[in-house]
N, C-alpha and C. Protein backbone atom coordinates (compact mmCIF):
# COMPACT_ATOMS: atom_id res chain seq x y z
N MET A 1 -20.16 5.31 -10.44
CA MET A 1 -18.92 5.80 -10.99
C MET A 1 -17.74 5.01 -10.42
N TYR A 2 -17.28 5.34 -9.20
CA TYR A 2 -16.19 4.62 -8.56
C TYR A 2 -16.32 4.75 -7.06
N LEU A 3 -15.59 3.91 -6.35
CA LEU A 3 -15.55 4.00 -4.90
C LEU A 3 -14.15 3.68 -4.41
N LEU A 4 -13.80 4.24 -3.26
CA LEU A 4 -12.53 3.95 -2.60
C LEU A 4 -12.79 2.86 -1.57
N ARG A 5 -11.93 1.86 -1.54
CA ARG A 5 -12.09 0.78 -0.57
C ARG A 5 -10.75 0.19 -0.22
N ALA A 6 -10.75 -0.69 0.77
CA ALA A 6 -9.54 -1.38 1.20
C ALA A 6 -9.15 -2.45 0.17
N PHE A 7 -7.89 -2.79 0.17
CA PHE A 7 -7.36 -3.85 -0.68
C PHE A 7 -7.86 -5.19 -0.17
N ARG A 8 -8.25 -6.06 -1.07
CA ARG A 8 -8.72 -7.41 -0.74
C ARG A 8 -7.81 -8.43 -1.41
N PRO A 9 -7.71 -9.64 -0.87
CA PRO A 9 -6.87 -10.66 -1.53
C PRO A 9 -7.21 -10.87 -3.00
N ALA A 10 -8.47 -10.74 -3.38
CA ALA A 10 -8.88 -10.93 -4.77
C ALA A 10 -8.29 -9.84 -5.69
N ASP A 11 -7.85 -8.71 -5.11
CA ASP A 11 -7.28 -7.62 -5.91
C ASP A 11 -5.89 -7.93 -6.44
N TRP A 12 -5.24 -8.97 -5.94
CA TRP A 12 -3.90 -9.32 -6.43
C TRP A 12 -3.94 -9.59 -7.94
N ALA A 13 -4.98 -10.25 -8.40
CA ALA A 13 -5.08 -10.55 -9.84
C ALA A 13 -5.18 -9.26 -10.65
N ALA A 14 -5.97 -8.32 -10.18
CA ALA A 14 -6.11 -7.03 -10.89
C ALA A 14 -4.79 -6.27 -10.86
N LEU A 15 -4.11 -6.32 -9.72
CA LEU A 15 -2.83 -5.63 -9.61
C LEU A 15 -1.83 -6.21 -10.61
N ARG A 16 -1.75 -7.53 -10.68
CA ARG A 16 -0.83 -8.16 -11.63
C ARG A 16 -1.19 -7.80 -13.08
N ALA A 17 -2.48 -7.70 -13.38
CA ALA A 17 -2.91 -7.36 -14.74
C ALA A 17 -2.54 -5.91 -15.09
N MET A 18 -2.57 -5.01 -14.11
CA MET A 18 -2.22 -3.60 -14.36
C MET A 18 -0.71 -3.37 -14.37
N HIS A 19 0.04 -4.26 -13.76
CA HIS A 19 1.49 -4.08 -13.59
C HIS A 19 2.22 -4.28 -14.92
N ASP A 20 3.17 -3.38 -15.21
CA ASP A 20 3.89 -3.47 -16.48
C ASP A 20 5.16 -4.30 -16.41
N GLY A 21 5.50 -4.80 -15.23
CA GLY A 21 6.68 -5.66 -15.09
C GLY A 21 8.00 -4.94 -14.97
N SER A 22 7.99 -3.61 -14.86
CA SER A 22 9.24 -2.86 -14.81
C SER A 22 9.93 -2.92 -13.45
N PHE A 23 9.26 -3.47 -12.46
CA PHE A 23 9.85 -3.67 -11.13
C PHE A 23 9.07 -4.79 -10.45
N GLU A 24 9.61 -5.30 -9.38
CA GLU A 24 8.98 -6.39 -8.65
C GLU A 24 7.84 -5.85 -7.79
N ILE A 25 6.69 -6.49 -7.86
CA ILE A 25 5.55 -6.08 -7.03
C ILE A 25 5.85 -6.43 -5.58
N PRO A 26 5.74 -5.47 -4.67
CA PRO A 26 5.96 -5.79 -3.25
C PRO A 26 4.94 -6.84 -2.78
N GLN A 27 5.40 -7.82 -2.06
CA GLN A 27 4.50 -8.85 -1.57
C GLN A 27 3.78 -8.42 -0.30
N ARG A 28 4.30 -7.40 0.35
CA ARG A 28 3.66 -6.88 1.56
C ARG A 28 3.56 -5.37 1.41
N MET A 29 2.34 -4.87 1.48
CA MET A 29 2.15 -3.43 1.38
C MET A 29 1.32 -2.94 2.56
N GLU A 30 1.55 -1.71 2.93
CA GLU A 30 0.81 -1.05 4.01
C GLU A 30 -0.04 0.06 3.40
N GLU A 31 -1.03 0.53 4.14
CA GLU A 31 -1.87 1.66 3.72
C GLU A 31 -2.30 1.55 2.26
N THR A 32 -2.84 0.44 1.88
CA THR A 32 -3.24 0.23 0.49
C THR A 32 -4.67 0.70 0.25
N ILE A 33 -4.87 1.45 -0.81
CA ILE A 33 -6.18 1.98 -1.19
C ILE A 33 -6.50 1.47 -2.59
N VAL A 34 -7.74 1.08 -2.80
CA VAL A 34 -8.20 0.63 -4.10
C VAL A 34 -9.29 1.56 -4.59
N VAL A 35 -9.19 1.98 -5.84
CA VAL A 35 -10.28 2.67 -6.51
C VAL A 35 -10.95 1.61 -7.37
N ALA A 36 -12.23 1.37 -7.09
CA ALA A 36 -12.94 0.30 -7.80
C ALA A 36 -14.11 0.87 -8.58
N ASP A 37 -14.40 0.24 -9.71
CA ASP A 37 -15.59 0.59 -10.49
C ASP A 37 -16.81 0.31 -9.61
N GLU A 38 -17.70 1.28 -9.49
CA GLU A 38 -18.86 1.15 -8.59
C GLU A 38 -19.81 0.04 -9.02
N GLU A 39 -19.93 -0.19 -10.30
CA GLU A 39 -20.87 -1.21 -10.79
C GLU A 39 -20.31 -2.62 -10.68
N THR A 40 -19.02 -2.78 -10.99
CA THR A 40 -18.44 -4.13 -11.03
C THR A 40 -17.56 -4.45 -9.83
N ASP A 41 -17.20 -3.45 -9.04
CA ASP A 41 -16.27 -3.57 -7.92
C ASP A 41 -14.87 -3.99 -8.38
N GLU A 42 -14.60 -3.86 -9.68
CA GLU A 42 -13.29 -4.20 -10.23
C GLU A 42 -12.30 -3.08 -9.92
N ALA A 43 -11.11 -3.44 -9.45
CA ALA A 43 -10.07 -2.46 -9.15
C ALA A 43 -9.59 -1.81 -10.44
N VAL A 44 -9.60 -0.48 -10.46
CA VAL A 44 -9.10 0.26 -11.62
C VAL A 44 -7.84 1.05 -11.28
N LEU A 45 -7.55 1.21 -9.99
CA LEU A 45 -6.34 1.85 -9.51
C LEU A 45 -6.04 1.26 -8.14
N ILE A 46 -4.78 0.92 -7.92
CA ILE A 46 -4.35 0.43 -6.61
C ILE A 46 -3.13 1.24 -6.21
N MET A 47 -3.19 1.80 -5.00
CA MET A 47 -2.08 2.60 -4.48
C MET A 47 -1.67 1.99 -3.14
N GLY A 48 -0.41 1.65 -3.01
CA GLY A 48 0.06 1.05 -1.77
C GLY A 48 1.45 1.50 -1.42
N ASN A 49 1.82 1.25 -0.20
CA ASN A 49 3.15 1.61 0.30
C ASN A 49 3.83 0.37 0.85
N ARG A 50 5.11 0.27 0.62
CA ARG A 50 5.87 -0.81 1.24
C ARG A 50 6.78 -0.21 2.29
N VAL A 51 7.23 -1.04 3.20
CA VAL A 51 8.05 -0.57 4.29
C VAL A 51 9.49 -0.35 3.80
N THR A 52 9.94 0.88 3.84
CA THR A 52 11.32 1.24 3.50
C THR A 52 11.79 2.25 4.55
N ARG A 53 13.04 2.55 4.52
CA ARG A 53 13.58 3.57 5.41
C ARG A 53 14.53 4.45 4.61
N GLU A 54 14.69 5.65 5.07
CA GLU A 54 15.67 6.59 4.53
C GLU A 54 16.77 6.70 5.57
N SER A 55 18.00 6.46 5.17
CA SER A 55 19.13 6.47 6.10
C SER A 55 19.89 7.78 6.03
N TYR A 56 20.43 8.16 7.16
CA TYR A 56 21.26 9.35 7.29
C TYR A 56 22.55 8.96 7.99
N VAL A 57 23.64 9.63 7.64
CA VAL A 57 24.92 9.37 8.30
C VAL A 57 25.56 10.71 8.63
N TRP A 58 25.95 10.86 9.88
CA TRP A 58 26.72 12.01 10.30
C TRP A 58 28.02 11.48 10.87
N LEU A 59 29.12 12.09 10.47
CA LEU A 59 30.44 11.61 10.90
C LEU A 59 31.38 12.78 11.03
N ARG A 60 32.08 12.83 12.14
CA ARG A 60 33.12 13.86 12.29
C ARG A 60 34.33 13.43 11.47
N HIS A 61 34.64 14.20 10.46
CA HIS A 61 35.75 13.85 9.56
C HIS A 61 37.12 14.10 10.19
N ASP A 62 37.17 14.75 11.34
CA ASP A 62 38.45 14.98 12.02
C ASP A 62 38.69 14.00 13.16
N TRP A 63 37.79 13.02 13.32
CA TRP A 63 37.93 12.06 14.42
C TRP A 63 38.87 10.94 14.03
N LYS A 64 39.87 10.73 14.81
CA LYS A 64 40.83 9.63 14.65
C LYS A 64 41.34 9.50 13.21
N THR A 65 41.43 8.27 12.72
CA THR A 65 42.00 8.03 11.39
C THR A 65 40.91 7.61 10.41
N PRO A 66 41.17 7.79 9.09
CA PRO A 66 40.19 7.32 8.10
C PRO A 66 39.91 5.82 8.24
N GLN A 67 40.93 5.03 8.55
CA GLN A 67 40.74 3.58 8.69
C GLN A 67 39.80 3.27 9.85
N LEU A 68 39.96 3.95 10.97
CA LEU A 68 39.08 3.71 12.12
C LEU A 68 37.66 4.19 11.81
N ARG A 69 37.55 5.32 11.13
CA ARG A 69 36.21 5.81 10.78
C ARG A 69 35.50 4.80 9.89
N TRP A 70 36.20 4.19 8.92
CA TRP A 70 35.56 3.17 8.07
C TRP A 70 35.21 1.93 8.86
N ARG A 71 36.07 1.55 9.81
CA ARG A 71 35.77 0.37 10.62
C ARG A 71 34.52 0.57 11.45
N VAL A 72 34.39 1.73 12.10
CA VAL A 72 33.20 1.96 12.91
C VAL A 72 31.97 2.15 12.02
N PHE A 73 32.15 2.74 10.84
CA PHE A 73 31.02 2.85 9.91
C PHE A 73 30.54 1.46 9.51
N LYS A 74 31.49 0.57 9.20
CA LYS A 74 31.14 -0.80 8.80
C LYS A 74 30.37 -1.50 9.91
N GLU A 75 30.84 -1.41 11.14
CA GLU A 75 30.15 -2.05 12.26
C GLU A 75 28.75 -1.46 12.46
N ALA A 76 28.65 -0.14 12.40
CA ALA A 76 27.34 0.50 12.55
C ALA A 76 26.41 0.13 11.41
N HIS A 77 26.95 0.09 10.19
CA HIS A 77 26.17 -0.28 9.01
C HIS A 77 25.61 -1.69 9.15
N GLU A 78 26.46 -2.63 9.57
CA GLU A 78 26.02 -4.02 9.74
C GLU A 78 24.95 -4.14 10.83
N GLU A 79 25.14 -3.44 11.94
CA GLU A 79 24.15 -3.49 13.02
C GLU A 79 22.83 -2.88 12.59
N MET A 80 22.89 -1.74 11.88
CA MET A 80 21.67 -1.10 11.40
C MET A 80 20.93 -2.01 10.42
N THR A 81 21.67 -2.66 9.53
CA THR A 81 21.06 -3.57 8.57
C THR A 81 20.35 -4.72 9.27
N ARG A 82 20.99 -5.30 10.28
CA ARG A 82 20.36 -6.39 11.05
C ARG A 82 19.08 -5.90 11.76
N GLU A 83 19.16 -4.72 12.37
CA GLU A 83 18.01 -4.18 13.09
C GLU A 83 16.83 -3.92 12.14
N LEU A 84 17.11 -3.36 10.98
CA LEU A 84 16.06 -3.09 10.01
C LEU A 84 15.45 -4.39 9.49
N ALA A 85 16.28 -5.40 9.26
CA ALA A 85 15.78 -6.70 8.81
C ALA A 85 14.85 -7.30 9.86
N ARG A 86 15.23 -7.19 11.13
CA ARG A 86 14.36 -7.71 12.21
C ARG A 86 13.01 -7.00 12.23
N LYS A 87 12.99 -5.74 11.84
CA LYS A 87 11.75 -4.96 11.84
C LYS A 87 10.94 -5.15 10.57
N GLY A 88 11.45 -5.93 9.62
CA GLY A 88 10.70 -6.19 8.40
C GLY A 88 10.87 -5.14 7.31
N VAL A 89 11.90 -4.32 7.41
CA VAL A 89 12.14 -3.31 6.39
C VAL A 89 12.72 -3.99 5.16
N ASP A 90 12.15 -3.70 3.99
CA ASP A 90 12.55 -4.33 2.75
C ASP A 90 13.73 -3.66 2.07
N GLU A 91 13.85 -2.35 2.23
CA GLU A 91 14.88 -1.62 1.49
C GLU A 91 15.15 -0.30 2.19
N ILE A 92 16.40 0.16 2.09
CA ILE A 92 16.74 1.48 2.63
C ILE A 92 17.32 2.34 1.52
N PHE A 93 17.15 3.63 1.67
CA PHE A 93 17.66 4.61 0.71
C PHE A 93 18.55 5.59 1.46
N ILE A 94 19.56 6.08 0.76
CA ILE A 94 20.41 7.12 1.31
C ILE A 94 20.65 8.13 0.20
N TRP A 95 20.62 9.38 0.55
CA TRP A 95 20.84 10.44 -0.43
C TRP A 95 22.28 10.91 -0.30
N VAL A 96 23.01 10.86 -1.40
CA VAL A 96 24.42 11.22 -1.41
C VAL A 96 24.59 12.39 -2.38
N ALA A 97 25.21 13.45 -1.89
CA ALA A 97 25.41 14.63 -2.72
C ALA A 97 26.30 14.30 -3.91
N PRO A 98 25.93 14.75 -5.11
CA PRO A 98 26.78 14.50 -6.29
C PRO A 98 27.97 15.45 -6.28
N THR A 99 28.94 15.12 -7.07
CA THR A 99 30.07 16.04 -7.28
C THR A 99 29.61 17.15 -8.22
N LYS A 100 30.44 18.14 -8.41
CA LYS A 100 30.09 19.23 -9.33
C LYS A 100 29.89 18.73 -10.75
N SER A 101 30.58 17.65 -11.10
CA SER A 101 30.43 17.10 -12.45
C SER A 101 29.20 16.21 -12.58
N GLY A 102 28.49 16.00 -11.45
CA GLY A 102 27.29 15.16 -11.48
C GLY A 102 27.57 13.69 -11.26
N ARG A 103 28.82 13.34 -11.07
CA ARG A 103 29.18 11.94 -10.84
C ARG A 103 29.02 11.58 -9.37
N LEU A 104 29.09 10.29 -9.09
CA LEU A 104 29.03 9.83 -7.71
C LEU A 104 30.29 10.25 -6.96
N ASN A 105 30.13 10.65 -5.71
CA ASN A 105 31.30 11.03 -4.92
C ASN A 105 31.97 9.77 -4.35
N GLY A 106 33.10 9.95 -3.71
CA GLY A 106 33.87 8.83 -3.17
C GLY A 106 33.10 8.01 -2.16
N PHE A 107 32.31 8.67 -1.31
CA PHE A 107 31.52 7.95 -0.31
C PHE A 107 30.52 7.03 -0.99
N ALA A 108 29.85 7.52 -2.01
CA ALA A 108 28.88 6.69 -2.74
C ALA A 108 29.57 5.51 -3.40
N LYS A 109 30.72 5.74 -3.97
CA LYS A 109 31.46 4.65 -4.61
C LYS A 109 31.86 3.58 -3.59
N ARG A 110 32.27 4.01 -2.40
CA ARG A 110 32.63 3.05 -1.35
C ARG A 110 31.40 2.29 -0.85
N LEU A 111 30.28 2.97 -0.74
CA LEU A 111 29.04 2.27 -0.34
C LEU A 111 28.73 1.15 -1.32
N MET A 112 28.91 1.43 -2.59
CA MET A 112 28.62 0.43 -3.62
C MET A 112 29.63 -0.71 -3.59
N LYS A 113 30.90 -0.38 -3.54
CA LYS A 113 31.95 -1.40 -3.61
C LYS A 113 32.04 -2.24 -2.34
N ARG A 114 31.97 -1.60 -1.18
CA ARG A 114 32.20 -2.31 0.08
C ARG A 114 30.94 -2.83 0.76
N PHE A 115 29.78 -2.24 0.44
CA PHE A 115 28.57 -2.60 1.18
C PHE A 115 27.42 -3.07 0.30
N GLY A 116 27.60 -3.06 -1.01
CA GLY A 116 26.57 -3.60 -1.89
C GLY A 116 25.44 -2.65 -2.26
N TRP A 117 25.58 -1.37 -1.96
CA TRP A 117 24.56 -0.41 -2.36
C TRP A 117 24.57 -0.28 -3.88
N VAL A 118 23.43 0.05 -4.45
CA VAL A 118 23.31 0.27 -5.89
C VAL A 118 22.57 1.58 -6.13
N PRO A 119 22.85 2.25 -7.24
CA PRO A 119 22.07 3.46 -7.56
C PRO A 119 20.60 3.08 -7.76
N ALA A 120 19.71 3.92 -7.31
CA ALA A 120 18.28 3.67 -7.51
C ALA A 120 18.00 3.71 -9.01
N PRO A 121 17.28 2.73 -9.52
CA PRO A 121 17.04 2.69 -10.96
C PRO A 121 16.07 3.77 -11.45
N TRP A 122 15.23 4.27 -10.59
CA TRP A 122 14.24 5.27 -10.99
C TRP A 122 14.54 6.59 -10.31
N LYS A 123 14.13 7.67 -10.93
CA LYS A 123 14.25 8.99 -10.35
C LYS A 123 13.32 9.08 -9.14
N CYS A 124 13.79 9.60 -8.05
CA CYS A 124 13.00 9.69 -6.82
C CYS A 124 12.31 11.05 -6.75
N LEU A 125 11.08 11.05 -6.32
CA LEU A 125 10.32 12.27 -6.03
C LEU A 125 9.94 12.21 -4.56
N SER A 126 9.65 13.34 -3.97
CA SER A 126 9.25 13.34 -2.57
C SER A 126 8.02 14.22 -2.37
N LEU A 127 7.28 13.93 -1.32
CA LEU A 127 6.10 14.70 -0.95
C LEU A 127 6.12 14.89 0.55
N LYS A 128 6.11 16.11 1.00
CA LYS A 128 6.10 16.40 2.43
C LYS A 128 4.66 16.26 2.92
N ILE A 129 4.41 15.31 3.80
CA ILE A 129 3.08 15.05 4.32
C ILE A 129 2.72 16.02 5.44
N ARG A 130 3.67 16.36 6.26
CA ARG A 130 3.42 17.32 7.33
C ARG A 130 4.66 18.16 7.56
N GLU A 131 4.47 19.33 8.04
CA GLU A 131 5.60 20.25 8.30
C GLU A 131 6.23 19.94 9.62
């Protein structure tokens, strides 16, 4: 019927054949599992994870001035980005609360304009692995 096995270099061809082209295939994946046809050992499903991080920001809104808060945010943002790049992280995500109208709030707009963040193109789902 089928078997679960580790990803092999030869599976790249099968992965490319199954891929619909709607996003870039990660070149480095962790914890990759292959479901292969038991008779042919051909990959019929490939599940993998790439290295990403979820970012959080806490800031006292009553501390000093808005200009100073943005300056320290910028410095912290740049340092965090460098640190994550050194660790091999490909992408980071941040969850920003929407306004009541469902639009992006001012913080999200500033992240996009000043720091190059973009809205995620796909709807995100989550799964809690452990409590």
